[in-house]
Amino acid sequence: QMRNVVVQRVLERGRMNDFYAILNLYGEDSVKDALRNIPYMNDKDMNFACITFNLKKEELKCFTRKQSITQHWNS
């Protein structure tokens, strides 16, 4: 049940050994599913996830959510 949180924390703060550990623990398909459902990722982590798992940014919940938020003027 906490799979999405674990995957997000490892993606944000973990090392490659941690990343390999969640792949061994959950499996590639389960990690892909968790990545699709994470509500927020920064751009660097989003690009890493897309390149590593051959995903499109449009498949990620965090990307579509970021696109739907209106940007305010900075002046």
Protein backbone atom coordinates (compact mmCIF):
# COMPACT_ATOMS: atom_id res chain seq x y z
CA GLN A 1 0.00 0.00 0.00
CA MET A 2 2.92 2.38 0.63
CA ARG A 3 4.65 1.35 -2.60
CA ASN A 4 4.15 4.73 -4.28
CA VAL A 5 5.68 6.60 -1.34
CA VAL A 6 8.66 4.25 -1.17
CA VAL A 7 9.31 4.53 -4.91
CA GLN A 8 9.02 8.33 -4.77
CA ARG A 9 11.42 8.64 -1.83
CA VAL A 10 13.99 6.36 -3.44
CA LEU A 11 13.72 8.27 -6.71
CA GLU A 12 14.16 11.62 -4.94
CA ARG A 13 16.74 10.78 -2.29
CA GLY A 14 18.04 7.28 -2.86
CA ARG A 15 21.22 5.96 -4.38
CA MET A 16 21.49 3.49 -7.23
CA ASN A 17 21.72 0.58 -4.76
CA ASP A 18 18.38 1.66 -3.28
CA PHE A 19 16.92 1.91 -6.76
CA TYR A 20 18.04 -1.63 -7.60
CA ALA A 21 16.61 -2.83 -4.27
CA ILE A 22 13.10 -1.53 -5.06
CA LEU A 23 13.34 -3.13 -8.50
CA ASN A 24 14.14 -6.46 -6.87
CA LEU A 25 11.48 -5.98 -4.19
CA TYR A 26 8.53 -4.78 -6.31
CA GLY A 27 9.47 -5.76 -9.86
CA GLU A 28 9.73 -3.57 -12.94
CA ASP A 29 6.01 -3.49 -13.80
CA SER A 30 5.01 -2.55 -10.27
CA VAL A 31 7.60 0.25 -10.13
CA LYS A 32 6.35 1.57 -13.49
CA ASP A 33 2.81 1.59 -12.16
CA ALA A 34 3.93 3.43 -9.02
CA LEU A 35 5.80 6.01 -11.11
CA ARG A 36 2.69 6.68 -13.17
CA ASN A 37 0.70 7.44 -9.99
CA ILE A 38 3.13 9.70 -8.12
CA PRO A 39 1.46 13.11 -7.72
CA TYR A 40 4.66 15.23 -7.78
CA MET A 41 8.18 14.79 -9.14
CA ASN A 42 10.74 17.40 -10.04
CA ASP A 43 11.86 17.65 -13.65
CA LYS A 44 15.15 15.79 -13.13
CA ASP A 45 13.47 12.79 -11.49
CA MET A 46 10.70 12.81 -14.09
CA ASN A 47 13.23 12.67 -16.93
CA PHE A 48 15.19 9.90 -15.19
CA ALA A 49 12.02 7.82 -14.75
CA CYS A 50 10.96 8.34 -18.38
CA ILE A 51 14.36 7.41 -19.81
CA THR A 52 14.96 4.46 -17.47
CA PHE A 53 11.53 2.85 -17.93
CA ASN A 54 10.80 4.02 -21.49
CA LEU A 55 7.74 6.01 -20.40
CA LYS A 56 6.23 9.09 -21.96
CA LYS A 57 5.81 12.17 -19.81
CA GLU A 58 2.12 12.29 -20.72
CA GLU A 59 1.65 8.95 -18.94
CA LEU A 60 2.78 10.38 -15.61
CA LYS A 61 0.23 11.85 -13.23
CA CYS A 62 2.71 14.46 -12.03
CA PHE A 63 3.24 15.79 -15.58
CA THR A 64 -0.46 16.13 -16.39
CA ARG A 65 -1.06 17.70 -12.98
CA LYS A 66 1.77 20.19 -13.54
CA GLN A 67 0.29 21.14 -16.92
CA SER A 68 -3.15 21.79 -15.44
CA ILE A 69 -1.91 24.25 -12.81
CA THR A 70 -2.21 27.83 -14.03
CA GLN A 71 0.98 29.88 -13.95
CA HIS A 72 0.86 33.36 -12.45
CA TRP A 73 2.78 36.31 -13.72
CA ASN A 74 5.99 37.01 -11.84
CA SER A 75 5.90 40.80 -12.19
